[in-house]
Amino acid sequence: MSGTNTGVPSVLAHELPHPVPAGEFAACPVGDVFRRVGDRWSMLLVILLGGRPYRYNELHRAIEGISQRMLTRTLRGLETDGLVRREVFPTVPPSVEYSLTPLGRTLLPPLSVLADWAVQHEAEINEARSRHPGARERGR
């Protein structure tokens, strides 16, 4: 936040073009991070790995409903983004451990703020959903 935007949330500090060009939105680094944060499994993995390193099978057992394929894909994506480290130990058979990188650890505070906001406003969100037409059909 710059001095000229004191008190203005950073997401509102820059005016977006109207309409927002699809290519610009797709290439935006903020949108890219939001897509990662908003996917079904990534933030759950970041939270788990924020507590301690895990072996692959431990993670698979720790998350009910995630397939091995999706766990592998999500871990690879987080590793590609520099948020998770994959360490292979020279044992027979080889064992693999996943942990957060220093960059991944920096995601925990803003993620905590978002989680705290969600908990604080859960009743209001649920009330709004109950009044919205079609909310029940979408499983909300």
Foldseek 3Di string as FASTA:
>chain_A
DDPVQVPPPPVPPDDADVPHDPVCCVPDPVNVVVVLVPDDPQVVVLVVLLVHKDWLVVVVVVDPPDDSVNSVVNQVVCVVVQQKDWDWDPDVVITIIIHGDPVNNVVVVVVVVVVVVCVVCVVVVVVVLVPDPPSVVVVD
